[in-house]
Amino acid sequence: MKYKLTKETKEYSGITLCRIEAVSSFGSVSKGDKGGYIEKEENLSQEDNAWVFGDAWVYGNASVSGNARVSGNAWVSGDAWVFGGAWVSGNAWVSGNAWVSGGAKVSGNAWVFGNAQVYGGAWEKSPLQIQGSKHFVTECKKGFLKIGCIELSFESWKKEFKKVGKEYSYSEIEIKEYRMYIDLAIKLSTLK
């Protein structure tokens, strides 16, 4: 056993979260260190170096394991899973069925939700998302955009945007609108 639930609690939407305290030293955590808040022991593995720091919250069916770290004011909830060497920090929120794994870092005011998967060193900066008149335009991985349910490389979107737009019943104005979003997304993606 590496931690225990303390009597220091926070309430949120009818859920009681308890601050954790290390009962043994492991990784960068020393015996007696206070951590963040979890709802139940299933939220944080007792078997490895995973830890919830600061005022971070983990609740619902969410799970933190491996060498993962959740810190700052971050929230991990729903059925989300943070594992491997992943870090979730700042005011970030990971929820739904989302996975954050490997050496991935989610920080700042980022939200990862739904069925999203962030892994490895997938992003050096937050991925772009633009709300258009019909669908979101999302940089779903490096060099690729997803519009609605269609995912293509930057180059393919430049060549195929009219064909795809017509196939999905976009008006001529909507096709022009999305061409501007494609151009903007590509330009923003290449900024250093």
N, C-alpha and C. Protein backbone atom coordinates (compact mmCIF):
# COMPACT_ATOMS: atom_id res chain seq x y z
N MET A 1 0.85 -1.18 0.00
CA MET A 1 0.00 0.00 0.00
C MET A 1 0.89 1.24 0.00
N LYS A 2 0.60 2.19 -0.90
CA LYS A 2 1.44 3.38 -0.96
C LYS A 2 0.76 4.63 -0.44
N TYR A 3 -0.58 4.64 -0.33
CA TYR A 3 -1.27 5.83 0.18
C TYR A 3 -2.52 5.43 0.94
N LYS A 4 -3.04 6.41 1.67
CA LYS A 4 -4.32 6.22 2.36
C LYS A 4 -5.19 7.44 2.08
N LEU A 5 -6.49 7.27 2.26
CA LEU A 5 -7.43 8.37 2.16
C LEU A 5 -7.48 9.07 3.51
N THR A 6 -7.37 10.40 3.54
CA THR A 6 -7.44 11.13 4.80
C THR A 6 -8.87 11.58 5.06
N LYS A 7 -9.07 12.22 6.19
CA LYS A 7 -10.40 12.74 6.54
C LYS A 7 -10.63 14.13 5.94
N GLU A 8 -9.61 14.70 5.30
CA GLU A 8 -9.77 16.00 4.64
C GLU A 8 -10.53 15.77 3.34
N THR A 9 -11.71 16.37 3.21
CA THR A 9 -12.57 16.10 2.06
C THR A 9 -13.02 17.37 1.36
N LYS A 10 -13.51 17.16 0.13
CA LYS A 10 -14.19 18.19 -0.66
C LYS A 10 -15.44 17.56 -1.22
N GLU A 11 -16.49 18.35 -1.35
CA GLU A 11 -17.74 17.87 -1.92
C GLU A 11 -17.92 18.48 -3.31
N TYR A 12 -18.41 17.68 -4.25
CA TYR A 12 -18.69 18.16 -5.59
C TYR A 12 -19.85 17.36 -6.16
N SER A 13 -20.94 18.03 -6.47
CA SER A 13 -22.12 17.39 -7.08
C SER A 13 -22.51 16.10 -6.37
N GLY A 14 -22.53 16.13 -5.06
CA GLY A 14 -22.92 14.96 -4.29
C GLY A 14 -21.83 13.92 -4.13
N ILE A 15 -20.63 14.21 -4.63
CA ILE A 15 -19.51 13.27 -4.54
C ILE A 15 -18.55 13.78 -3.47
N THR A 16 -18.10 12.89 -2.63
CA THR A 16 -17.10 13.24 -1.62
C THR A 16 -15.74 12.77 -2.10
N LEU A 17 -14.80 13.72 -2.16
CA LEU A 17 -13.43 13.41 -2.55
C LEU A 17 -12.54 13.55 -1.33
N CYS A 18 -11.62 12.62 -1.15
CA CYS A 18 -10.72 12.62 0.02
C CYS A 18 -9.29 12.92 -0.42
N ARG A 19 -8.61 13.76 0.38
CA ARG A 19 -7.19 14.01 0.11
C ARG A 19 -6.43 12.72 0.41
N ILE A 20 -5.38 12.47 -0.38
CA ILE A 20 -4.57 11.28 -0.17
C ILE A 20 -3.28 11.65 0.56
N GLU A 21 -2.71 10.66 1.24
CA GLU A 21 -1.43 10.84 1.94
C GLU A 21 -0.58 9.60 1.71
N ALA A 22 0.68 9.81 1.35
CA ALA A 22 1.59 8.68 1.11
C ALA A 22 1.93 7.99 2.42
N VAL A 23 1.82 6.66 2.45
CA VAL A 23 2.19 5.89 3.64
C VAL A 23 3.54 5.20 3.45
N SER A 24 4.10 5.35 2.25
CA SER A 24 5.44 4.86 1.97
C SER A 24 6.06 5.76 0.91
N SER A 25 7.36 5.72 0.79
CA SER A 25 8.06 6.51 -0.23
C SER A 25 8.14 5.73 -1.53
N PHE A 26 7.96 6.42 -2.64
CA PHE A 26 8.06 5.81 -3.97
C PHE A 26 8.25 6.93 -4.98
N GLY A 27 8.95 6.64 -6.07
CA GLY A 27 9.17 7.66 -7.10
C GLY A 27 9.65 8.96 -6.48
N SER A 28 8.97 10.06 -6.79
CA SER A 28 9.32 11.38 -6.24
C SER A 28 8.50 11.74 -5.01
N VAL A 29 7.74 10.78 -4.49
CA VAL A 29 6.85 11.02 -3.35
C VAL A 29 7.47 10.42 -2.09
N SER A 30 7.45 11.19 -1.02
CA SER A 30 7.99 10.73 0.27
C SER A 30 6.85 10.35 1.21
N LYS A 31 7.14 9.42 2.09
CA LYS A 31 6.16 9.02 3.10
C LYS A 31 5.69 10.27 3.84
N GLY A 32 4.37 10.42 4.00
CA GLY A 32 3.79 11.58 4.69
C GLY A 32 3.37 12.70 3.76
N ASP A 33 3.83 12.69 2.49
CA ASP A 33 3.41 13.73 1.55
C ASP A 33 1.90 13.67 1.34
N LYS A 34 1.28 14.83 1.34
CA LYS A 34 -0.14 14.93 1.02
C LYS A 34 -0.27 15.09 -0.49
N GLY A 35 -1.28 14.47 -1.04
CA GLY A 35 -1.53 14.57 -2.46
C GLY A 35 -2.82 15.31 -2.73
N GLY A 36 -3.37 15.09 -3.91
CA GLY A 36 -4.63 15.70 -4.30
C GLY A 36 -5.81 14.91 -3.74
N TYR A 37 -6.93 14.95 -4.47
CA TYR A 37 -8.18 14.35 -3.98
C TYR A 37 -8.67 13.27 -4.94
N ILE A 38 -9.11 12.16 -4.36
CA ILE A 38 -9.73 11.10 -5.15
C ILE A 38 -11.04 10.70 -4.47
N GLU A 39 -11.93 10.11 -5.26
CA GLU A 39 -13.21 9.66 -4.70
C GLU A 39 -13.07 8.32 -4.00
N LYS A 40 -12.28 7.42 -4.59
CA LYS A 40 -12.15 6.05 -4.06
C LYS A 40 -10.82 5.47 -4.49
N GLU A 41 -10.42 4.40 -3.84
CA GLU A 41 -9.11 3.81 -4.13
C GLU A 41 -8.95 3.34 -5.57
N GLU A 42 -10.05 2.99 -6.23
CA GLU A 42 -9.98 2.55 -7.62
C GLU A 42 -9.50 3.67 -8.55
N ASN A 43 -9.53 4.92 -8.08
CA ASN A 43 -9.11 6.05 -8.92
C ASN A 43 -7.59 6.17 -9.05
N LEU A 44 -6.83 5.60 -8.11
CA LEU A 44 -5.37 5.73 -8.12
C LEU A 44 -4.75 4.40 -7.73
N SER A 45 -3.92 3.88 -8.63
CA SER A 45 -3.27 2.59 -8.39
C SER A 45 -2.43 2.62 -7.11
N GLN A 46 -2.46 1.53 -6.38
CA GLN A 46 -1.63 1.35 -5.18
C GLN A 46 -0.32 0.64 -5.54
N GLU A 47 -0.16 0.22 -6.79
CA GLU A 47 0.92 -0.68 -7.17
C GLU A 47 2.12 -0.05 -7.85
N ASP A 48 2.10 1.22 -8.22
CA ASP A 48 3.16 1.77 -9.06
C ASP A 48 3.52 3.18 -8.59
N ASN A 49 4.07 4.01 -9.46
CA ASN A 49 4.51 5.36 -9.08
C ASN A 49 3.52 6.46 -9.43
N ALA A 50 2.33 6.12 -9.88
CA ALA A 50 1.32 7.13 -10.22
C ALA A 50 0.97 7.93 -8.97
N TRP A 51 0.66 9.24 -9.17
CA TRP A 51 0.33 10.09 -8.02
C TRP A 51 -0.55 11.25 -8.45
N VAL A 52 -1.37 11.69 -7.54
CA VAL A 52 -2.22 12.87 -7.72
C VAL A 52 -1.68 13.93 -6.77
N PHE A 53 -1.21 15.05 -7.33
CA PHE A 53 -0.56 16.11 -6.57
C PHE A 53 -1.49 17.30 -6.35
N GLY A 54 -1.08 18.18 -5.43
CA GLY A 54 -1.70 19.49 -5.27
C GLY A 54 -3.19 19.43 -4.98
N ASP A 55 -3.96 20.20 -5.76
CA ASP A 55 -5.41 20.25 -5.60
C ASP A 55 -6.12 19.53 -6.73
N ALA A 56 -5.42 18.64 -7.41
CA ALA A 56 -6.02 17.89 -8.51
C ALA A 56 -7.07 16.92 -7.98
N TRP A 57 -8.08 16.63 -8.82
CA TRP A 57 -9.19 15.74 -8.46
C TRP A 57 -9.26 14.58 -9.45
N VAL A 58 -9.50 13.38 -8.93
CA VAL A 58 -9.78 12.21 -9.77
C VAL A 58 -11.01 11.54 -9.17
N TYR A 59 -12.05 11.33 -10.00
CA TYR A 59 -13.29 10.77 -9.45
C TYR A 59 -14.08 10.05 -10.53
N GLY A 60 -15.23 9.51 -10.14
CA GLY A 60 -16.02 8.69 -11.06
C GLY A 60 -15.33 7.35 -11.24
N ASN A 61 -15.30 6.85 -12.45
CA ASN A 61 -14.61 5.60 -12.76
C ASN A 61 -13.23 5.85 -13.33
N ALA A 62 -12.76 7.09 -13.24
CA ALA A 62 -11.45 7.45 -13.78
C ALA A 62 -10.35 6.70 -13.05
N SER A 63 -9.24 6.49 -13.77
CA SER A 63 -8.13 5.72 -13.22
C SER A 63 -6.80 6.37 -13.58
N VAL A 64 -5.89 6.44 -12.61
CA VAL A 64 -4.54 6.96 -12.82
C VAL A 64 -3.58 5.85 -12.40
N SER A 65 -2.65 5.46 -13.30
CA SER A 65 -1.75 4.35 -12.99
C SER A 65 -0.43 4.49 -13.74
N GLY A 66 0.46 3.52 -13.54
CA GLY A 66 1.78 3.55 -14.16
C GLY A 66 2.65 4.60 -13.49
N ASN A 67 3.31 5.43 -14.29
CA ASN A 67 4.10 6.54 -13.77
C ASN A 67 3.38 7.85 -14.01
N ALA A 68 2.08 7.81 -14.21
CA ALA A 68 1.29 9.00 -14.53
C ALA A 68 1.23 9.96 -13.34
N ARG A 69 1.08 11.25 -13.68
CA ARG A 69 0.96 12.30 -12.66
C ARG A 69 -0.22 13.19 -13.02
N VAL A 70 -1.00 13.52 -12.03
CA VAL A 70 -2.08 14.50 -12.19
C VAL A 70 -1.80 15.56 -11.14
N SER A 71 -1.73 16.84 -11.57
CA SER A 71 -1.32 17.88 -10.63
C SER A 71 -2.02 19.20 -10.90
N GLY A 72 -1.67 20.21 -10.09
CA GLY A 72 -2.28 21.53 -10.23
C GLY A 72 -3.73 21.47 -9.81
N ASN A 73 -4.59 22.06 -10.64
CA ASN A 73 -6.04 22.04 -10.42
C ASN A 73 -6.73 21.12 -11.42
N ALA A 74 -5.98 20.18 -11.98
CA ALA A 74 -6.52 19.30 -13.02
C ALA A 74 -7.61 18.39 -12.47
N TRP A 75 -8.55 18.02 -13.35
CA TRP A 75 -9.63 17.08 -13.03
C TRP A 75 -9.56 15.92 -14.00
N VAL A 76 -9.69 14.71 -13.48
CA VAL A 76 -9.81 13.51 -14.31
C VAL A 76 -11.08 12.82 -13.83
N SER A 77 -12.03 12.59 -14.74
CA SER A 77 -13.33 12.09 -14.32
C SER A 77 -13.95 11.17 -15.36
N GLY A 78 -15.17 10.73 -15.09
CA GLY A 78 -15.88 9.83 -16.00
C GLY A 78 -15.19 8.48 -16.02
N ASP A 79 -14.94 7.95 -17.22
CA ASP A 79 -14.24 6.69 -17.40
C ASP A 79 -12.84 6.92 -17.94
N ALA A 80 -12.31 8.13 -17.75
CA ALA A 80 -11.00 8.49 -18.29
C ALA A 80 -9.90 7.65 -17.66
N TRP A 81 -8.82 7.49 -18.43
CA TRP A 81 -7.69 6.70 -17.97
C TRP A 81 -6.43 7.46 -18.28
N VAL A 82 -5.63 7.76 -17.26
CA VAL A 82 -4.33 8.43 -17.40
C VAL A 82 -3.30 7.42 -16.93
N PHE A 83 -2.37 7.03 -17.82
CA PHE A 83 -1.45 5.96 -17.46
C PHE A 83 -0.12 6.12 -18.18
N GLY A 84 0.78 5.18 -17.94
CA GLY A 84 2.12 5.27 -18.51
C GLY A 84 2.85 6.44 -17.86
N GLY A 85 3.58 7.20 -18.63
CA GLY A 85 4.31 8.37 -18.11
C GLY A 85 3.56 9.66 -18.37
N ALA A 86 2.25 9.59 -18.55
CA ALA A 86 1.45 10.78 -18.90
C ALA A 86 1.36 11.75 -17.73
N TRP A 87 1.26 13.05 -18.07
CA TRP A 87 1.08 14.11 -17.08
C TRP A 87 -0.15 14.92 -17.45
N VAL A 88 -1.00 15.16 -16.49
CA VAL A 88 -2.15 16.07 -16.66
C VAL A 88 -1.98 17.13 -15.59
N SER A 89 -1.91 18.40 -16.00
CA SER A 89 -1.59 19.44 -15.03
C SER A 89 -2.31 20.74 -15.33
N GLY A 90 -2.04 21.75 -14.51
CA GLY A 90 -2.67 23.05 -14.69
C GLY A 90 -4.15 22.97 -14.40
N ASN A 91 -4.96 23.56 -15.28
CA ASN A 91 -6.42 23.51 -15.15
C ASN A 91 -7.01 22.53 -16.14
N ALA A 92 -6.22 21.57 -16.60
CA ALA A 92 -6.67 20.62 -17.62
C ALA A 92 -7.77 19.72 -17.08
N TRP A 93 -8.61 19.27 -17.99
CA TRP A 93 -9.72 18.39 -17.64
C TRP A 93 -9.74 17.23 -18.63
N VAL A 94 -9.67 15.99 -18.11
CA VAL A 94 -9.73 14.79 -18.92
C VAL A 94 -10.96 14.02 -18.46
N SER A 95 -11.89 13.73 -19.38
CA SER A 95 -13.14 13.10 -18.96
C SER A 95 -13.70 12.19 -20.05
N GLY A 96 -14.88 11.66 -19.78
CA GLY A 96 -15.52 10.75 -20.74
C GLY A 96 -14.74 9.45 -20.80
N ASN A 97 -14.52 8.94 -22.00
CA ASN A 97 -13.76 7.71 -22.22
C ASN A 97 -12.35 8.01 -22.69
N ALA A 98 -11.87 9.22 -22.44
CA ALA A 98 -10.57 9.65 -22.95
C ALA A 98 -9.43 8.88 -22.30
N TRP A 99 -8.35 8.70 -23.07
CA TRP A 99 -7.12 8.08 -22.58
C TRP A 99 -6.00 9.06 -22.80
N VAL A 100 -5.13 9.20 -21.81
CA VAL A 100 -3.89 9.96 -21.95
C VAL A 100 -2.79 9.02 -21.49
N SER A 101 -1.82 8.76 -22.37
CA SER A 101 -0.84 7.72 -22.04
C SER A 101 0.54 8.04 -22.59
N GLY A 102 1.47 7.12 -22.34
CA GLY A 102 2.85 7.29 -22.81
C GLY A 102 3.47 8.50 -22.15
N GLY A 103 4.18 9.30 -22.91
CA GLY A 103 4.81 10.51 -22.38
C GLY A 103 3.98 11.74 -22.67
N ALA A 104 2.69 11.57 -22.95
CA ALA A 104 1.84 12.71 -23.31
C ALA A 104 1.66 13.65 -22.13
N LYS A 105 1.55 14.94 -22.44
CA LYS A 105 1.32 15.97 -21.42
C LYS A 105 0.13 16.80 -21.83
N VAL A 106 -0.84 16.89 -20.93
CA VAL A 106 -2.03 17.72 -21.14
C VAL A 106 -1.98 18.78 -20.05
N SER A 107 -1.93 20.05 -20.44
CA SER A 107 -1.73 21.08 -19.43
C SER A 107 -2.50 22.34 -19.76
N GLY A 108 -2.33 23.35 -18.90
CA GLY A 108 -3.00 24.62 -19.11
C GLY A 108 -4.49 24.47 -18.93
N ASN A 109 -5.26 25.03 -19.86
CA ASN A 109 -6.73 24.96 -19.80
C ASN A 109 -7.28 23.93 -20.79
N ALA A 110 -6.46 22.95 -21.16
CA ALA A 110 -6.87 21.96 -22.16
C ALA A 110 -7.97 21.04 -21.64
N TRP A 111 -8.85 20.63 -22.54
CA TRP A 111 -9.89 19.64 -22.24
C TRP A 111 -9.71 18.48 -23.19
N VAL A 112 -9.70 17.27 -22.64
CA VAL A 112 -9.66 16.05 -23.45
C VAL A 112 -10.87 15.25 -23.00
N PHE A 113 -11.78 14.97 -23.94
CA PHE A 113 -13.02 14.31 -23.52
C PHE A 113 -13.55 13.42 -24.61
N GLY A 114 -14.69 12.79 -24.33
CA GLY A 114 -15.29 11.87 -25.31
C GLY A 114 -14.45 10.62 -25.41
N ASN A 115 -14.16 10.18 -26.63
CA ASN A 115 -13.36 8.98 -26.86
C ASN A 115 -11.95 9.33 -27.30
N ALA A 116 -11.49 10.53 -26.97
CA ALA A 116 -10.16 10.99 -27.40
C ALA A 116 -9.06 10.14 -26.80
N GLN A 117 -7.97 10.01 -27.57
CA GLN A 117 -6.78 9.32 -27.09
C GLN A 117 -5.58 10.22 -27.37
N VAL A 118 -4.82 10.53 -26.33
CA VAL A 118 -3.61 11.33 -26.46
C VAL A 118 -2.48 10.46 -25.94
N TYR A 119 -1.43 10.28 -26.74
CA TYR A 119 -0.39 9.37 -26.31
C TYR A 119 0.96 9.81 -26.81
N GLY A 120 1.98 9.19 -26.25
CA GLY A 120 3.36 9.49 -26.63
C GLY A 120 3.65 10.96 -26.47
N GLY A 121 4.39 11.54 -27.38
CA GLY A 121 4.65 12.96 -27.40
C GLY A 121 3.79 13.56 -28.50
N ALA A 122 2.53 13.20 -28.53
CA ALA A 122 1.66 13.51 -29.65
C ALA A 122 1.60 15.00 -30.00
N TRP A 123 1.59 15.87 -29.01
CA TRP A 123 1.46 17.29 -29.28
C TRP A 123 2.51 18.09 -28.53
N GLU A 124 3.14 19.02 -29.22
CA GLU A 124 4.07 19.95 -28.58
C GLU A 124 3.32 21.19 -28.14
N LYS A 125 2.15 21.41 -28.70
CA LYS A 125 1.26 22.51 -28.31
C LYS A 125 -0.16 21.99 -28.47
N SER A 126 -1.11 22.69 -27.89
CA SER A 126 -2.49 22.23 -27.94
C SER A 126 -2.98 22.11 -29.37
N PRO A 127 -3.70 21.04 -29.71
CA PRO A 127 -4.22 20.91 -31.07
C PRO A 127 -5.30 21.95 -31.35
N LEU A 128 -5.41 22.32 -32.59
CA LEU A 128 -6.35 23.35 -33.04
C LEU A 128 -7.74 22.77 -33.26
N GLN A 129 -8.76 23.53 -32.89
CA GLN A 129 -10.13 23.15 -33.21
C GLN A 129 -10.89 24.43 -33.54
N ILE A 130 -11.57 24.44 -34.69
CA ILE A 130 -12.35 25.58 -35.14
C ILE A 130 -13.79 25.12 -35.31
N GLN A 131 -14.74 25.87 -34.75
CA GLN A 131 -16.16 25.56 -34.93
C GLN A 131 -16.64 26.23 -36.19
N GLY A 132 -16.98 25.47 -37.20
CA GLY A 132 -17.53 26.01 -38.43
C GLY A 132 -19.05 26.02 -38.38
N SER A 133 -19.68 26.41 -39.48
CA SER A 133 -21.14 26.49 -39.51
C SER A 133 -21.81 25.11 -39.51
N LYS A 134 -21.10 24.07 -39.97
CA LYS A 134 -21.66 22.71 -39.99
C LYS A 134 -20.93 21.75 -39.07
N HIS A 135 -19.61 21.78 -39.09
CA HIS A 135 -18.80 20.83 -38.34
C HIS A 135 -17.57 21.52 -37.76
N PHE A 136 -16.96 20.84 -36.78
CA PHE A 136 -15.67 21.29 -36.27
C PHE A 136 -14.59 20.96 -37.30
N VAL A 137 -13.54 21.77 -37.32
CA VAL A 137 -12.31 21.48 -38.04
C VAL A 137 -11.27 21.25 -36.94
N THR A 138 -10.72 20.04 -36.89
CA THR A 138 -9.81 19.67 -35.80
C THR A 138 -8.51 19.13 -36.38
N GLU A 139 -7.40 19.62 -35.85
CA GLU A 139 -6.11 19.03 -36.18
C GLU A 139 -5.99 17.78 -35.31
N CYS A 140 -6.41 16.64 -35.87
CA CYS A 140 -6.56 15.41 -35.08
C CYS A 140 -5.23 14.72 -34.80
N LYS A 141 -4.25 14.93 -35.63
CA LYS A 141 -2.89 14.48 -35.39
C LYS A 141 -1.99 15.31 -36.29
N LYS A 142 -0.71 15.26 -36.06
CA LYS A 142 0.20 16.12 -36.81
C LYS A 142 0.04 15.90 -38.31
N GLY A 143 -0.25 17.01 -39.02
CA GLY A 143 -0.36 16.96 -40.46
C GLY A 143 -1.71 16.51 -40.99
N PHE A 144 -2.70 16.32 -40.12
CA PHE A 144 -4.01 15.84 -40.53
C PHE A 144 -5.12 16.70 -39.93
N LEU A 145 -6.17 16.92 -40.71
CA LEU A 145 -7.36 17.62 -40.24
C LEU A 145 -8.56 16.68 -40.33
N LYS A 146 -9.45 16.84 -39.36
CA LYS A 146 -10.71 16.11 -39.39
C LYS A 146 -11.82 17.14 -39.46
N ILE A 147 -12.67 17.03 -40.46
CA ILE A 147 -13.84 17.89 -40.59
C ILE A 147 -15.04 16.96 -40.57
N GLY A 148 -15.91 17.14 -39.57
CA GLY A 148 -16.99 16.17 -39.38
C GLY A 148 -16.37 14.83 -39.08
N CYS A 149 -16.69 13.82 -39.90
CA CYS A 149 -16.12 12.49 -39.66
C CYS A 149 -15.04 12.13 -40.69
N ILE A 150 -14.64 13.11 -41.53
CA ILE A 150 -13.65 12.85 -42.57
C ILE A 150 -12.28 13.34 -42.12
N GLU A 151 -11.31 12.43 -42.10
CA GLU A 151 -9.94 12.75 -41.72
C GLU A 151 -9.03 12.59 -42.93
N LEU A 152 -8.32 13.68 -43.29
CA LEU A 152 -7.39 13.66 -44.42
C LEU A 152 -6.13 14.44 -44.06
N SER A 153 -5.06 14.18 -44.78
CA SER A 153 -3.83 14.95 -44.60
C SER A 153 -4.06 16.38 -45.09
N PHE A 154 -3.18 17.29 -44.66
CA PHE A 154 -3.27 18.68 -45.12
C PHE A 154 -3.32 18.74 -46.65
N GLU A 155 -2.40 18.02 -47.29
CA GLU A 155 -2.31 18.05 -48.76
C GLU A 155 -3.59 17.51 -49.41
N SER A 156 -4.14 16.45 -48.85
CA SER A 156 -5.38 15.89 -49.41
C SER A 156 -6.54 16.86 -49.28
N TRP A 157 -6.62 17.56 -48.12
CA TRP A 157 -7.70 18.55 -47.97
C TRP A 157 -7.56 19.66 -49.00
N LYS A 158 -6.33 20.11 -49.25
CA LYS A 158 -6.14 21.19 -50.24
C LYS A 158 -6.64 20.75 -51.61
N LYS A 159 -6.43 19.49 -51.97
CA LYS A 159 -6.82 18.98 -53.28
C LYS A 159 -8.29 18.58 -53.34
N GLU A 160 -8.83 18.05 -52.25
CA GLU A 160 -10.14 17.40 -52.28
C GLU A 160 -11.27 18.18 -51.60
N PHE A 161 -11.01 19.39 -51.09
CA PHE A 161 -12.03 20.07 -50.27
C PHE A 161 -13.34 20.28 -51.02
N LYS A 162 -13.30 20.65 -52.31
CA LYS A 162 -14.54 20.86 -53.07
C LYS A 162 -15.30 19.56 -53.25
N LYS A 163 -14.59 18.51 -53.64
CA LYS A 163 -15.22 17.20 -53.87
C LYS A 163 -15.88 16.69 -52.59
N VAL A 164 -15.17 16.76 -51.46
CA VAL A 164 -15.71 16.29 -50.19
C VAL A 164 -16.90 17.15 -49.79
N GLY A 165 -16.78 18.46 -49.94
CA GLY A 165 -17.89 19.37 -49.59
C GLY A 165 -19.15 19.05 -50.37
N LYS A 166 -19.03 18.83 -51.68
CA LYS A 166 -20.20 18.50 -52.50
C LYS A 166 -20.78 17.15 -52.12
N GLU A 167 -19.90 16.20 -51.84
CA GLU A 167 -20.34 14.86 -51.46
C GLU A 167 -21.18 14.89 -50.17
N TYR A 168 -20.87 15.85 -49.29
CA TYR A 168 -21.59 15.95 -48.02
C TYR A 168 -22.57 17.12 -48.00
N SER A 169 -23.02 17.53 -49.18
CA SER A 169 -24.08 18.52 -49.36
C SER A 169 -23.79 19.89 -48.75
N TYR A 170 -22.52 20.31 -48.79
CA TYR A 170 -22.18 21.67 -48.39
C TYR A 170 -22.59 22.61 -49.51
N SER A 171 -23.08 23.79 -49.15
CA SER A 171 -23.37 24.80 -50.15
C SER A 171 -22.05 25.39 -50.65
N GLU A 172 -22.11 26.15 -51.75
CA GLU A 172 -20.89 26.80 -52.28
C GLU A 172 -20.27 27.73 -51.24
N ILE A 173 -21.11 28.45 -50.50
CA ILE A 173 -20.61 29.36 -49.45
C ILE A 173 -19.93 28.55 -48.34
N GLU A 174 -20.53 27.43 -47.95
CA GLU A 174 -19.93 26.59 -46.91
C GLU A 174 -18.61 25.99 -47.38
N ILE A 175 -18.53 25.62 -48.64
CA ILE A 175 -17.27 25.09 -49.19
C ILE A 175 -16.19 26.16 -49.11
N LYS A 176 -16.52 27.41 -49.47
CA LYS A 176 -15.55 28.51 -49.36
C LYS A 176 -15.16 28.76 -47.90
N GLU A 177 -16.15 28.70 -47.01
CA GLU A 177 -15.88 28.90 -45.58
C GLU A 177 -14.87 27.86 -45.08
N TYR A 178 -15.10 26.59 -45.43
CA TYR A 178 -14.22 25.54 -44.94
C TYR A 178 -12.86 25.57 -45.61
N ARG A 179 -12.78 26.07 -46.84
CA ARG A 179 -11.45 26.24 -47.48
C ARG A 179 -10.63 27.23 -46.67
N MET A 180 -11.27 28.32 -46.18
CA MET A 180 -10.55 29.29 -45.35
C MET A 180 -10.09 28.65 -44.05
N TYR A 181 -10.93 27.82 -43.44
CA TYR A 181 -10.54 27.13 -42.20
C TYR A 181 -9.37 26.18 -42.44
N ILE A 182 -9.40 25.47 -43.57
CA ILE A 182 -8.31 24.55 -43.90
C ILE A 182 -7.00 25.33 -44.04
N ASP A 183 -7.03 26.42 -44.80
CA ASP A 183 -5.83 27.24 -44.98
C ASP A 183 -5.33 27.79 -43.64
N LEU A 184 -6.25 28.30 -42.82
CA LEU A 184 -5.88 28.85 -41.51
C LEU A 184 -5.27 27.76 -40.62
N ALA A 185 -5.89 26.60 -40.57
CA ALA A 185 -5.39 25.51 -39.73
C ALA A 185 -3.99 25.09 -40.14
N ILE A 186 -3.75 25.01 -41.44
CA ILE A 186 -2.42 24.62 -41.93
C ILE A 186 -1.39 25.68 -41.56
N LYS A 187 -1.73 26.95 -41.73
CA LYS A 187 -0.80 28.04 -41.36
C LYS A 187 -0.50 28.03 -39.86
N LEU A 188 -1.53 27.89 -39.06
CA LEU A 188 -1.33 27.89 -37.60
C LEU A 188 -0.52 26.68 -37.14
N SER A 189 -0.69 25.55 -37.80
CA SER A 189 0.02 24.34 -37.43
C SER A 189 1.52 24.47 -37.65
N THR A 190 1.92 25.28 -38.61
CA THR A 190 3.34 25.41 -38.94
C THR A 190 4.03 26.53 -38.16
N LEU A 191 3.29 27.26 -37.33
CA LEU A 191 3.92 28.31 -36.51
C LEU A 191 4.85 27.67 -35.50
N LYS A 192 5.98 28.28 -35.29
CA LYS A 192 6.94 27.77 -34.28
C LYS A 192 6.69 28.45 -32.96
